[in-house]
Amino acid sequence: MPAGNAPLRVAVFASGSGSNFQALAEAARDGAFPAEIALLVCDKPAAKVVQRAEALGVPTFLFDPKSYASREACEEEIVGLLEREGIELIVLAGYMRLITDVLVKPYYGRIINVHPALLPAFPGVRGIRQALEYGVKLTGVTVHFVDGGMDTGPIILQRAVEIRDDDTEETLAERIHAVEHELLPLAVRRIAEGRVTLDGRQVTVRSGE
């Protein structure tokens, strides 16, 4: 956690359009927000999130995974960069690469992910489609710590989204993304305020006063 009143330095990892990155960056523009989006890490230089970062003046680290001998070698370089930049929290926001212990171990308890389902239901890819195909009546959004498994880390915040009879994957995704854009900045805020405690699998989140 940051010293004194300095904002928490956050790196966002993303691979796609970057709407959650945008939501975080816009939240951080508020002078009262206790974190700053200090870095974007992206494995797809042509992704829209890169344009968003450039427009917002957020520094970026772009890389081609194929240029590294292994996933671990790639993450070793990233960890070095994060340390040099003083990154205190990693947010995975639509980052489509599996990560290894090279990244997870030094940042455990300081790396979170947003997932478009109510974990532990429907982990992995296409969580929205999985929920629709299964026929559940409620799905939602989960923000959780990352532990190296497939969406298995301790849960920080969840919010339900009702599935309507006439929902398509697109209409449901629109409502889920709207919740993500609220829940992810809230989770980052609570972590930056020191209101999140991790004890094994149990996470306690103390609300604002």
Protein backbone atom coordinates (compact mmCIF):
# COMPACT_ATOMS: atom_id res chain seq x y z
CA MET A 1 0.00 0.00 0.00
CA PRO A 2 1.23 3.54 -0.69
CA ALA A 3 2.95 5.62 1.94
CA GLY A 4 1.17 8.61 3.36
CA ASN A 5 -1.36 10.14 1.01
CA ALA A 6 0.37 9.06 -2.18
CA PRO A 7 -2.05 7.33 -4.58
CA LEU A 8 -1.69 3.61 -5.11
CA ARG A 9 0.19 2.95 -8.35
CA VAL A 10 -1.82 0.57 -10.53
CA ALA A 11 -0.89 -1.34 -13.68
CA VAL A 12 -3.76 -2.56 -15.86
CA PHE A 13 -3.23 -5.61 -18.05
CA ALA A 14 -5.61 -5.76 -21.02
CA SER A 15 -5.85 -7.35 -24.46
CA GLY A 16 -9.02 -5.98 -26.03
CA SER A 17 -11.23 -2.92 -26.28
CA GLY A 18 -10.34 -1.70 -22.81
CA SER A 19 -13.69 -0.47 -21.51
CA ASN A 20 -12.74 -1.51 -17.97
CA PHE A 21 -9.40 0.24 -18.38
CA GLN A 22 -11.32 3.35 -19.44
CA ALA A 23 -13.62 3.10 -16.43
CA LEU A 24 -10.66 2.83 -14.07
CA ALA A 25 -8.75 5.65 -15.71
CA GLU A 26 -11.78 7.95 -15.59
CA ALA A 27 -12.38 7.10 -11.93
CA ALA A 28 -8.75 7.90 -11.20
CA ARG A 29 -9.16 11.38 -12.69
CA ASP A 30 -11.15 12.29 -9.60
CA GLY A 31 -8.71 13.93 -7.23
CA ALA A 32 -10.29 12.07 -4.33
CA PHE A 33 -9.67 8.66 -5.90
CA PRO A 34 -6.83 7.01 -3.93
CA ALA A 35 -5.14 5.30 -6.90
CA GLU A 36 -3.54 6.24 -10.20
CA ILE A 37 -3.42 4.22 -13.40
CA ALA A 38 0.32 4.34 -13.92
CA LEU A 39 0.79 1.75 -16.68
CA LEU A 40 -1.00 -0.32 -19.32
CA VAL A 41 0.48 -3.72 -20.18
CA CYS A 42 -0.86 -5.14 -23.44
CA ASP A 43 0.04 -8.18 -25.53
CA LYS A 44 -1.82 -6.92 -28.63
CA PRO A 45 -0.39 -3.63 -29.92
CA ALA A 46 -3.34 -3.15 -32.29
CA ALA A 47 -5.95 -3.47 -29.52
CA LYS A 48 -8.31 -0.54 -28.94
CA VAL A 49 -7.18 -0.30 -25.32
CA VAL A 50 -3.84 1.06 -26.57
CA GLN A 51 -5.63 3.96 -28.26
CA ARG A 52 -7.55 4.61 -25.03
CA ALA A 53 -4.31 4.72 -23.05
CA GLU A 54 -2.69 7.10 -25.51
CA ALA A 55 -5.71 9.41 -25.38
CA LEU A 56 -5.59 9.40 -21.57
CA GLY A 57 -1.83 9.87 -21.39
CA VAL A 58 -1.21 6.55 -19.66
CA PRO A 59 2.22 4.98 -20.38
CA THR A 60 2.08 1.62 -22.13
CA PHE A 61 4.21 -1.49 -22.34
CA LEU A 62 3.39 -3.38 -25.54
CA PHE A 63 4.87 -6.75 -26.31
CA ASP A 64 4.68 -9.62 -28.76
CA PRO A 65 4.49 -12.90 -26.82
CA LYS A 66 6.08 -14.75 -29.74
CA SER A 67 9.29 -12.81 -29.33
CA TYR A 68 10.03 -14.52 -26.00
CA ALA A 69 11.46 -17.99 -25.46
CA SER A 70 8.75 -18.80 -22.92
CA ARG A 71 5.81 -17.34 -21.02
CA GLU A 72 8.03 -17.18 -17.94
CA ALA A 73 10.73 -15.22 -19.76
CA CYS A 74 8.13 -12.70 -20.86
CA GLU A 75 6.80 -12.29 -17.33
CA GLU A 76 10.30 -11.90 -15.89
CA GLU A 77 10.72 -8.80 -18.05
CA ILE A 78 7.28 -7.52 -17.03
CA VAL A 79 8.00 -8.02 -13.31
CA GLY A 80 11.21 -6.06 -13.68
CA LEU A 81 9.29 -3.24 -15.33
CA LEU A 82 6.61 -3.26 -12.63
CA GLU A 83 9.27 -3.04 -9.92
CA ARG A 84 11.03 -0.14 -11.64
CA GLU A 85 7.72 1.68 -12.01
CA GLY A 86 6.79 1.15 -8.36
CA ILE A 87 3.58 -0.70 -9.23
CA GLU A 88 1.66 -1.71 -6.11
CA LEU A 89 -1.45 -3.31 -7.63
CA ILE A 90 -2.06 -5.24 -10.86
CA VAL A 91 -5.54 -5.28 -12.41
CA LEU A 92 -6.31 -7.88 -15.05
CA ALA A 93 -9.09 -6.36 -17.14
CA GLY A 94 -9.75 -8.48 -20.20
CA TYR A 95 -6.18 -9.80 -20.29
CA MET A 96 -6.40 -12.94 -22.39
CA ARG A 97 -3.14 -14.62 -21.47
CA LEU A 98 -2.71 -17.24 -18.77
CA ILE A 99 -0.18 -16.04 -16.23
CA THR A 100 2.41 -18.04 -14.34
CA ASP A 101 3.91 -18.04 -10.85
CA VAL A 102 6.62 -15.70 -12.10
CA LEU A 103 4.02 -12.94 -11.94
CA VAL A 104 1.57 -14.36 -9.39
CA LYS A 105 3.98 -15.15 -6.54
CA PRO A 106 5.60 -11.72 -6.08
CA TYR A 107 2.24 -9.97 -6.43
CA TYR A 108 -0.09 -12.38 -4.64
CA GLY A 109 -2.62 -10.34 -2.70
CA ARG A 110 -1.82 -7.42 -5.00
CA ILE A 111 -3.19 -8.78 -8.28
CA ILE A 112 -6.92 -8.84 -9.07
CA ASN A 113 -9.15 -9.84 -11.95
CA VAL A 114 -12.68 -8.96 -13.07
CA HIS A 115 -14.81 -11.84 -14.40
CA PRO A 116 -18.26 -11.64 -16.08
CA ALA A 117 -20.01 -14.27 -13.96
CA LEU A 118 -20.73 -15.10 -10.33
CA LEU A 119 -17.74 -17.29 -9.53
CA PRO A 120 -17.24 -20.13 -8.88
CA ALA A 121 -19.90 -20.59 -11.58
CA PHE A 122 -18.80 -20.28 -15.22
CA PRO A 123 -15.05 -19.68 -14.92
CA GLY A 124 -12.78 -19.32 -17.91
CA VAL A 125 -13.66 -17.86 -21.27
CA ARG A 126 -17.16 -16.92 -22.43
CA GLY A 127 -18.65 -16.67 -18.95
CA ILE A 128 -21.62 -14.74 -20.31
CA ARG A 129 -22.39 -17.33 -22.97
CA GLN A 130 -21.95 -20.17 -20.47
CA ALA A 131 -24.56 -18.63 -18.16
CA LEU A 132 -27.06 -18.18 -20.98
CA GLU A 133 -26.58 -21.70 -22.31
CA TYR A 134 -26.94 -23.22 -18.84
CA GLY A 135 -30.21 -21.43 -18.28
CA VAL A 136 -29.49 -19.76 -14.92
CA LYS A 137 -31.71 -16.85 -13.90
CA LEU A 138 -28.93 -14.85 -12.24
CA THR A 139 -25.37 -14.20 -13.30
CA GLY A 140 -23.21 -11.20 -12.58
CA VAL A 141 -19.71 -9.86 -12.01
CA THR A 142 -16.91 -10.99 -9.71
CA VAL A 143 -13.74 -9.15 -8.73
CA HIS A 144 -11.26 -11.55 -7.15
CA PHE A 145 -7.64 -11.97 -6.19
CA VAL A 146 -5.58 -14.00 -8.65
CA ASP A 147 -3.97 -17.19 -7.35
CA GLY A 148 -2.71 -18.80 -10.55
CA GLY A 149 -5.77 -21.01 -11.11
CA MET A 150 -8.50 -20.42 -13.68
CA ASP A 151 -10.62 -17.79 -11.91
CA THR A 152 -10.19 -19.60 -8.58
CA GLY A 153 -8.80 -16.84 -6.35
CA PRO A 154 -10.45 -15.40 -3.23
CA ILE A 155 -13.49 -13.26 -4.03
CA ILE A 156 -13.42 -9.54 -3.17
CA LEU A 157 -16.73 -8.22 -4.54
CA GLN A 158 -19.69 -9.65 -6.44
CA ARG A 159 -22.85 -8.16 -7.89
CA ALA A 160 -25.74 -10.07 -9.46
CA VAL A 161 -27.31 -9.37 -12.85
CA GLU A 162 -30.70 -10.85 -13.69
CA ILE A 163 -31.00 -12.79 -16.94
CA ARG A 164 -34.13 -11.87 -18.88
CA ASP A 165 -36.12 -14.29 -20.99
CA ASP A 166 -35.36 -12.36 -24.16
CA ASP A 167 -31.66 -11.80 -23.45
CA THR A 168 -29.07 -12.47 -26.10
CA GLU A 169 -25.36 -12.70 -25.41
CA GLU A 170 -25.04 -9.09 -26.60
CA THR A 171 -27.83 -7.62 -24.45
CA LEU A 172 -26.67 -9.48 -21.35
CA ALA A 173 -23.06 -8.47 -21.99
CA GLU A 174 -24.08 -4.82 -22.14
CA ARG A 175 -25.62 -4.95 -18.67
CA ILE A 176 -22.76 -7.01 -17.23
CA HIS A 177 -20.15 -4.61 -18.58
CA ALA A 178 -22.02 -1.69 -17.01
CA VAL A 179 -21.72 -3.45 -13.64
CA GLU A 180 -18.04 -4.21 -14.23
CA HIS A 181 -17.41 -0.50 -14.82
CA GLU A 182 -18.79 0.23 -11.35
CA LEU A 183 -17.52 -2.76 -9.39
CA LEU A 184 -13.89 -2.79 -10.56
CA PRO A 185 -13.15 0.85 -9.63
CA LEU A 186 -14.90 0.24 -6.30
CA ALA A 187 -12.64 -2.74 -5.60
CA VAL A 188 -9.54 -0.73 -6.48
CA ARG A 189 -10.74 2.12 -4.28
CA ARG A 190 -11.30 -0.16 -1.29
CA ILE A 191 -7.89 -1.80 -1.73
CA ALA A 192 -6.17 1.58 -2.03
CA GLU A 193 -7.94 2.76 1.11
CA GLY A 194 -6.64 -0.26 3.00
CA ARG A 195 -10.16 -1.58 3.56
CA VAL A 196 -9.58 -5.04 2.05
CA THR A 197 -8.16 -7.83 4.21
CA LEU A 198 -7.17 -11.24 2.80
CA ASP A 199 -7.01 -14.22 5.16
CA GLY A 200 -6.73 -17.54 3.33
CA ARG A 201 -9.79 -17.67 1.10
CA GLN A 202 -11.71 -15.17 3.21
CA VAL A 203 -11.78 -11.54 2.10
CA THR A 204 -13.17 -8.81 4.31
CA VAL A 205 -14.14 -5.54 2.66
CA ARG A 206 -14.91 -2.65 5.00
CA SER A 207 -17.21 -0.10 3.41
CA GLY A 208 -16.47 3.60 3.28
CA GLU A 209 -17.46 5.80 6.16
